[in-house]
Amino acid sequence: MDEKKIARINELYHRSKAEGLTDAEKEEQAALRREYIEAVRMNLRGQLDRIDIREADGTVTNLGEKHAKKGN
């Protein structure tokens, strides 16, 4: 998500507190928030997929590969 969209989310938030939003602006705000949340989820998933865990027996398990094996 680019900085312009984040700035727009913040602008709509401040405007909603100060004067309220039109129905179109509320829809835009909801769509931008959904897009932002999806971007955060994808970023977090990418980070988690790169984590390796050393098991008690000394083997290393990659969380991304472990998650993919479950089919999720």
PDB file of N, CA and C in Angstrom:
ATOM      1  N   MET A   1       0.857  -1.163   0.000  1.00  0.00           N
ATOM      2  CA  MET A   1       0.000   0.000   0.000  1.00  0.00           C
ATOM      3  C   MET A   1       0.903   1.226   0.000  1.00  0.00           C
ATOM      4  N   ASP A   2       0.603   2.172  -0.873  1.00  0.00           N
ATOM      5  CA  ASP A   2       1.468   3.347  -0.987  1.00  0.00           C
ATOM      6  C   ASP A   2       1.094   4.443   0.023  1.00  0.00           C
ATOM      7  N   GLU A   3       1.984   5.390   0.149  1.00  0.00           N
ATOM      8  CA  GLU A   3       1.829   6.467   1.140  1.00  0.00           C
ATOM      9  C   GLU A   3       0.603   7.341   0.858  1.00  0.00           C
ATOM     10  N   LYS A   4       0.238   7.498  -0.413  1.00  0.00           N
ATOM     11  CA  LYS A   4      -0.926   8.325  -0.755  1.00  0.00           C
ATOM     12  C   LYS A   4      -2.211   7.720  -0.200  1.00  0.00           C
ATOM     13  N   LYS A   5      -2.315   6.403  -0.284  1.00  0.00           N
ATOM     14  CA  LYS A   5      -3.519   5.741   0.220  1.00  0.00           C
ATOM     15  C   LYS A   5      -3.572   5.805   1.742  1.00  0.00           C
ATOM     16  N   ILE A   6      -2.426   5.654   2.392  1.00  0.00           N
ATOM     17  CA  ILE A   6      -2.394   5.759   3.850  1.00  0.00           C
ATOM     18  C   ILE A   6      -2.755   7.175   4.278  1.00  0.00           C
ATOM     19  N   ALA A   7      -2.243   8.159   3.562  1.00  0.00           N
ATOM     20  CA  ALA A   7      -2.584   9.556   3.863  1.00  0.00           C
ATOM     21  C   ALA A   7      -4.083   9.784   3.672  1.00  0.00           C
ATOM     22  N   ARG A   8      -4.658   9.173   2.654  1.00  0.00           N
ATOM     23  CA  ARG A   8      -6.098   9.318   2.408  1.00  0.00           C
ATOM     24  C   ARG A   8      -6.906   8.660   3.528  1.00  0.00           C
ATOM     25  N   ILE A   9      -6.468   7.503   4.012  1.00  0.00           N
ATOM     26  CA  ILE A   9      -7.141   6.844   5.135  1.00  0.00           C
ATOM     27  C   ILE A   9      -7.140   7.789   6.338  1.00  0.00           C
ATOM     28  N   ASN A  10      -5.987   8.375   6.624  1.00  0.00           N
ATOM     29  CA  ASN A  10      -5.880   9.288   7.760  1.00  0.00           C
ATOM     30  C   ASN A  10      -6.727  10.537   7.564  1.00  0.00           C
ATOM     31  N   GLU A  11      -6.745  11.057   6.351  1.00  0.00           N
ATOM     32  CA  GLU A  11      -7.552  12.241   6.043  1.00  0.00           C
ATOM     33  C   GLU A  11      -9.042  11.953   6.275  1.00  0.00           C
ATOM     34  N   LEU A  12      -9.499  10.806   5.778  1.00  0.00           N
ATOM     35  CA  LEU A  12     -10.905  10.447   5.955  1.00  0.00           C
ATOM     36  C   LEU A  12     -11.232  10.227   7.429  1.00  0.00           C
ATOM     37  N   TYR A  13     -10.302   9.647   8.177  1.00  0.00           N
ATOM     38  CA  TYR A  13     -10.522   9.434   9.606  1.00  0.00           C
ATOM     39  C   TYR A  13     -10.698  10.773  10.325  1.00  0.00           C
ATOM     40  N   HIS A  14      -9.783  11.697  10.091  1.00  0.00           N
ATOM     41  CA  HIS A  14      -9.852  12.995  10.765  1.00  0.00           C
ATOM     42  C   HIS A  14     -11.101  13.767  10.345  1.00  0.00           C
ATOM     43  N   ARG A  15     -11.429  13.644   9.081  1.00  0.00           N
ATOM     44  CA  ARG A  15     -12.626  14.321   8.584  1.00  0.00           C
ATOM     45  C   ARG A  15     -13.895  13.728   9.197  1.00  0.00           C
ATOM     46  N   SER A  16     -13.914  12.409   9.393  1.00  0.00           N
ATOM     47  CA  SER A  16     -15.086  11.775   9.977  1.00  0.00           C
ATOM     48  C   SER A  16     -15.295  12.236  11.412  1.00  0.00           C
ATOM     49  N   LYS A  17     -14.195  12.482  12.134  1.00  0.00           N
ATOM     50  CA  LYS A  17     -14.292  12.965  13.513  1.00  0.00           C
ATOM     51  C   LYS A  17     -14.707  14.428  13.564  1.00  0.00           C
ATOM     52  N   ALA A  18     -14.251  15.218  12.612  1.00  0.00           N
ATOM     53  CA  ALA A  18     -14.506  16.662  12.629  1.00  0.00           C
ATOM     54  C   ALA A  18     -15.883  17.032  12.080  1.00  0.00           C
ATOM     55  N   GLU A  19     -16.236  16.482  10.927  1.00  0.00           N
ATOM     56  CA  GLU A  19     -17.466  16.936  10.273  1.00  0.00           C
ATOM     57  C   GLU A  19     -18.348  15.835   9.721  1.00  0.00           C
ATOM     58  N   GLY A  20     -17.862  14.606   9.728  1.00  0.00           N
ATOM     59  CA  GLY A  20     -18.637  13.509   9.172  1.00  0.00           C
ATOM     60  C   GLY A  20     -18.291  13.272   7.716  1.00  0.00           C
ATOM     61  N   LEU A  21     -18.691  12.109   7.227  1.00  0.00           N
ATOM     62  CA  LEU A  21     -18.389  11.724   5.855  1.00  0.00           C
ATOM     63  C   LEU A  21     -19.674  11.496   5.072  1.00  0.00           C
ATOM     64  N   THR A  22     -19.574  11.700   3.758  1.00  0.00           N
ATOM     65  CA  THR A  22     -20.686  11.365   2.893  1.00  0.00           C
ATOM     66  C   THR A  22     -20.722   9.847   2.742  1.00  0.00           C
ATOM     67  N   ASP A  23     -21.795   9.332   2.193  1.00  0.00           N
ATOM     68  CA  ASP A  23     -21.897   7.884   1.978  1.00  0.00           C
ATOM     69  C   ASP A  23     -20.782   7.379   1.056  1.00  0.00           C
ATOM     70  N   ALA A  24     -20.468   8.155   0.031  1.00  0.00           N
ATOM     71  CA  ALA A  24     -19.399   7.763  -0.895  1.00  0.00           C
ATOM     72  C   ALA A  24     -18.053   7.733  -0.183  1.00  0.00           C
ATOM     73  N   GLU A  25     -17.815   8.711   0.688  1.00  0.00           N
ATOM     74  CA  GLU A  25     -16.560   8.749   1.433  1.00  0.00           C
ATOM     75  C   GLU A  25     -16.477   7.594   2.432  1.00  0.00           C
ATOM     76  N   LYS A  26     -17.612   7.234   3.020  1.00  0.00           N
ATOM     77  CA  LYS A  26     -17.632   6.093   3.945  1.00  0.00           C
ATOM     78  C   LYS A  26     -17.287   4.810   3.207  1.00  0.00           C
ATOM     79  N   GLU A  27     -17.802   4.650   2.000  1.00  0.00           N
ATOM     80  CA  GLU A  27     -17.490   3.471   1.191  1.00  0.00           C
ATOM     81  C   GLU A  27     -16.013   3.453   0.810  1.00  0.00           C
ATOM     82  N   GLU A  28     -15.494   4.619   0.434  1.00  0.00           N
ATOM     83  CA  GLU A  28     -14.072   4.730   0.088  1.00  0.00           C
ATOM     84  C   GLU A  28     -13.207   4.376   1.301  1.00  0.00           C
ATOM     85  N   GLN A  29     -13.589   4.887   2.457  1.00  0.00           N
ATOM     86  CA  GLN A  29     -12.848   4.618   3.690  1.00  0.00           C
ATOM     87  C   GLN A  29     -12.843   3.118   3.999  1.00  0.00           C
ATOM     88  N   ALA A  30     -13.993   2.485   3.874  1.00  0.00           N
ATOM     89  CA  ALA A  30     -14.091   1.048   4.143  1.00  0.00           C
ATOM     90  C   ALA A  30     -13.226   0.252   3.163  1.00  0.00           C
ATOM     91  N   ALA A  31     -13.249   0.621   1.897  1.00  0.00           N
ATOM     92  CA  ALA A  31     -12.454  -0.088   0.888  1.00  0.00           C
ATOM     93  C   ALA A  31     -10.962   0.097   1.157  1.00  0.00           C
ATOM     94  N   LEU A  32     -10.551   1.315   1.494  1.00  0.00           N
ATOM     95  CA  LEU A  32      -9.143   1.571   1.791  1.00  0.00           C
ATOM     96  C   LEU A  32      -8.698   0.818   3.039  1.00  0.00           C
ATOM     97  N   ARG A  33      -9.553   0.748   4.036  1.00  0.00           N
ATOM     98  CA  ARG A  33      -9.221   0.010   5.256  1.00  0.00           C
ATOM     99  C   ARG A  33      -9.064  -1.477   4.975  1.00  0.00           C
ATOM    100  N   ARG A  34      -9.970  -2.028   4.152  1.00  0.00           N
ATOM    101  CA  ARG A  34      -9.861  -3.443   3.791  1.00  0.00           C
ATOM    102  C   ARG A  34      -8.541  -3.711   3.060  1.00  0.00           C
ATOM    103  N   GLU A  35      -8.206  -2.821   2.132  1.00  0.00           N
ATOM    104  CA  GLU A  35      -6.963  -2.966   1.373  1.00  0.00           C
ATOM    105  C   GLU A  35      -5.751  -2.886   2.308  1.00  0.00           C
ATOM    106  N   TYR A  36      -5.800  -1.960   3.265  1.00  0.00           N
ATOM    107  CA  TYR A  36      -4.706  -1.798   4.219  1.00  0.00           C
ATOM    108  C   TYR A  36      -4.549  -3.058   5.074  1.00  0.00           C
ATOM    109  N   ILE A  37      -5.651  -3.568   5.583  1.00  0.00           N
ATOM    110  CA  ILE A  37      -5.611  -4.773   6.424  1.00  0.00           C
ATOM    111  C   ILE A  37      -5.065  -5.949   5.638  1.00  0.00           C
ATOM    112  N   GLU A  38      -5.463  -6.096   4.385  1.00  0.00           N
ATOM    113  CA  GLU A  38      -4.959  -7.183   3.546  1.00  0.00           C
ATOM    114  C   GLU A  38      -3.451  -7.039   3.330  1.00  0.00           C
ATOM    115  N   ALA A  39      -2.982  -5.812   3.124  1.00  0.00           N
ATOM    116  CA  ALA A  39      -1.548  -5.586   2.945  1.00  0.00           C
ATOM    117  C   ALA A  39      -0.779  -5.949   4.211  1.00  0.00           C
ATOM    118  N   VAL A  40      -1.319  -5.604   5.368  1.00  0.00           N
ATOM    119  CA  VAL A  40      -0.670  -5.939   6.634  1.00  0.00           C
ATOM    120  C   VAL A  40      -0.628  -7.456   6.809  1.00  0.00           C
ATOM    121  N   ARG A  41      -1.721  -8.126   6.498  1.00  0.00           N
ATOM    122  CA  ARG A  41      -1.760  -9.588   6.614  1.00  0.00           C
ATOM    123  C   ARG A  41      -0.740 -10.251   5.701  1.00  0.00           C
ATOM    124  N   MET A  42      -0.653  -9.781   4.466  1.00  0.00           N
ATOM    125  CA  MET A  42       0.302 -10.360   3.520  1.00  0.00           C
ATOM    126  C   MET A  42       1.732 -10.132   3.999  1.00  0.00           C
ATOM    127  N   ASN A  43       2.008  -8.953   4.528  1.00  0.00           N
ATOM    128  CA  ASN A  43       3.331  -8.646   5.049  1.00  0.00           C
ATOM    129  C   ASN A  43       3.670  -9.562   6.222  1.00  0.00           C
ATOM    130  N   LEU A  44       2.726  -9.715   7.140  1.00  0.00           N
ATOM    131  CA  LEU A  44       2.947 -10.571   8.301  1.00  0.00           C
ATOM    132  C   LEU A  44       3.148 -12.018   7.877  1.00  0.00           C
ATOM    133  N   ARG A  45       2.357 -12.498   6.942  1.00  0.00           N
ATOM    134  CA  ARG A  45       2.489 -13.867   6.452  1.00  0.00           C
ATOM    135  C   ARG A  45       3.867 -14.062   5.839  1.00  0.00           C
ATOM    136  N   GLY A  46       4.343 -13.083   5.077  1.00  0.00           N
ATOM    137  CA  GLY A  46       5.672 -13.163   4.482  1.00  0.00           C
ATOM    138  C   GLY A  46       6.755 -13.254   5.535  1.00  0.00           C
ATOM    139  N   GLN A  47       6.615 -12.479   6.599  1.00  0.00           N
ATOM    140  CA  GLN A  47       7.596 -12.523   7.681  1.00  0.00           C
ATOM    141  C   GLN A  47       7.550 -13.868   8.399  1.00  0.00           C
ATOM    142  N   LEU A  48       6.361 -14.351   8.699  1.00  0.00           N
ATOM    143  CA  LEU A  48       6.226 -15.624   9.404  1.00  0.00           C
ATOM    144  C   LEU A  48       6.739 -16.790   8.565  1.00  0.00           C
ATOM    145  N   ASP A  49       6.544 -16.708   7.255  1.00  0.00           N
ATOM    146  CA  ASP A  49       6.998 -17.777   6.368  1.00  0.00           C
ATOM    147  C   ASP A  49       8.518 -17.903   6.335  1.00  0.00           C
ATOM    148  N   ARG A  50       9.223 -16.849   6.738  1.00  0.00           N
ATOM    149  CA  ARG A  50      10.688 -16.879   6.722  1.00  0.00           C
ATOM    150  C   ARG A  50      11.282 -17.248   8.085  1.00  0.00           C
ATOM    151  N   ILE A  51      10.460 -17.585   9.059  1.00  0.00           N
ATOM    152  CA  ILE A  51      10.954 -17.933  10.390  1.00  0.00           C
ATOM    153  C   ILE A  51      11.281 -19.421  10.447  1.00  0.00           C
ATOM    154  N   ASP A  52      12.471 -19.703  10.952  1.00  0.00           N
ATOM    155  CA  ASP A  52      12.895 -21.083  11.182  1.00  0.00           C
ATOM    156  C   ASP A  52      12.896 -21.338  12.688  1.00  0.00           C
ATOM    157  N   ILE A  53      12.420 -22.513  13.071  1.00  0.00           N
ATOM    158  CA  ILE A  53      12.386 -22.903  14.477  1.00  0.00           C
ATOM    159  C   ILE A  53      13.277 -24.123  14.656  1.00  0.00           C
ATOM    160  N   ARG A  54      14.172 -24.033  15.631  1.00  0.00           N
ATOM    161  CA  ARG A  54      15.028 -25.181  15.941  1.00  0.00           C
ATOM    162  C   ARG A  54      14.289 -26.048  16.946  1.00  0.00           C
ATOM    163  N   GLU A  55      14.028 -27.277  16.538  1.00  0.00           N
ATOM    164  CA  GLU A  55      13.308 -28.226  17.380  1.00  0.00           C
ATOM    165  C   GLU A  55      14.233 -28.787  18.460  1.00  0.00           C
ATOM    166  N   ALA A  56      13.656 -29.457  19.458  1.00  0.00           N
ATOM    167  CA  ALA A  56      14.431 -30.028  20.563  1.00  0.00           C
ATOM    168  C   ALA A  56      15.451 -31.051  20.079  1.00  0.00           C
ATOM    169  N   ASP A  57      15.119 -31.755  18.984  1.00  0.00           N
ATOM    170  CA  ASP A  57      16.046 -32.766  18.470  1.00  0.00           C
ATOM    171  C   ASP A  57      17.135 -32.174  17.570  1.00  0.00           C
ATOM    172  N   GLY A  58      17.133 -30.857  17.399  1.00  0.00           N
ATOM    173  CA  GLY A  58      18.162 -30.188  16.604  1.00  0.00           C
ATOM    174  C   GLY A  58      17.770 -29.902  15.173  1.00  0.00           C
ATOM    175  N   THR A  59      16.656 -30.445  14.704  1.00  0.00           N
ATOM    176  CA  THR A  59      16.214 -30.174  13.341  1.00  0.00           C
ATOM    177  C   THR A  59      15.646 -28.760  13.260  1.00  0.00           C
ATOM    178  N   VAL A  60      15.642 -28.226  12.062  1.00  0.00           N
ATOM    179  CA  VAL A  60      15.122 -26.879  11.827  1.00  0.00           C
ATOM    180  C   VAL A  60      13.858 -26.990  10.988  1.00  0.00           C
ATOM    181  N   THR A  61      12.800 -26.361  11.471  1.00  0.00           N
ATOM    182  CA  THR A  61      11.520 -26.365  10.767  1.00  0.00           C
ATOM    183  C   THR A  61      11.204 -24.950  10.322  1.00  0.00           C
ATOM    184  N   ASN A  62      10.924 -24.788   9.039  1.00  0.00           N
ATOM    185  CA  ASN A  62      10.524 -23.490   8.508  1.00  0.00           C
ATOM    186  C   ASN A  62       9.015 -23.362   8.647  1.00  0.00           C
ATOM    187  N   LEU A  63       8.548 -22.273   9.261  1.00  0.00           N
ATOM    188  CA  LEU A  63       7.112 -22.111   9.478  1.00  0.00           C
ATOM    189  C   LEU A  63       6.331 -22.018   8.174  1.00  0.00           C
ATOM    190  N   GLY A  64       6.916 -21.397   7.160  1.00  0.00           N
ATOM    191  CA  GLY A  64       6.234 -21.303   5.880  1.00  0.00           C
ATOM    192  C   GLY A  64       5.994 -22.655   5.255  1.00  0.00           C
ATOM    193  N   GLU A  65       7.015 -23.507   5.306  1.00  0.00           N
ATOM    194  CA  GLU A  65       6.869 -24.854   4.750  1.00  0.00           C
ATOM    195  C   GLU A  65       5.917 -25.687   5.588  1.00  0.00           C
ATOM    196  N   LYS A  66       6.004 -25.530   6.907  1.00  0.00           N
ATOM    197  CA  LYS A  66       5.099 -26.274   7.804  1.00  0.00           C
ATOM    198  C   LYS A  66       3.660 -25.859   7.561  1.00  0.00           C
ATOM    199  N   HIS A  67       3.435 -24.583   7.373  1.00  0.00           N
ATOM    200  CA  HIS A  67       2.087 -24.071   7.116  1.00  0.00           C
ATOM    201  C   HIS A  67       1.566 -24.561   5.766  1.00  0.00           C
ATOM    202  N   ALA A  68       2.431 -24.590   4.754  1.00  0.00           N
ATOM    203  CA  ALA A  68       2.025 -25.020   3.412  1.00  0.00           C
ATOM    204  C   ALA A  68       1.634 -26.496   3.399  1.00  0.00           C
ATOM    205  N   LYS A  69       2.283 -27.317   4.228  1.00  0.00           N
ATOM    206  CA  LYS A  69       1.962 -28.734   4.271  1.00  0.00           C
ATOM    207  C   LYS A  69       0.565 -28.976   4.800  1.00  0.00           C
ATOM    208  N   LYS A  70       0.080 -28.084   5.659  1.00  0.00           N
ATOM    209  CA  LYS A  70      -1.262 -28.231   6.218  1.00  0.00           C
ATOM    210  C   LYS A  70      -2.332 -27.861   5.195  1.00  0.00           C
ATOM    211  N   GLY A  71      -1.917 -27.176   4.127  1.00  0.00           N
ATOM    212  CA  GLY A  71      -2.876 -26.818   3.090  1.00  0.00           C
ATOM    213  C   GLY A  71      -3.605 -25.527   3.350  1.00  0.00           C
ATOM    214  N   ASN A  72      -3.108 -24.707   4.256  1.00  0.00           N
ATOM    215  CA  ASN A  72      -3.753 -23.419   4.570  1.00  0.00           C
ATOM    216  C   ASN A  72      -3.139 -22.308   3.806  1.00  0.00           C
TER     217      ASN A  72
END
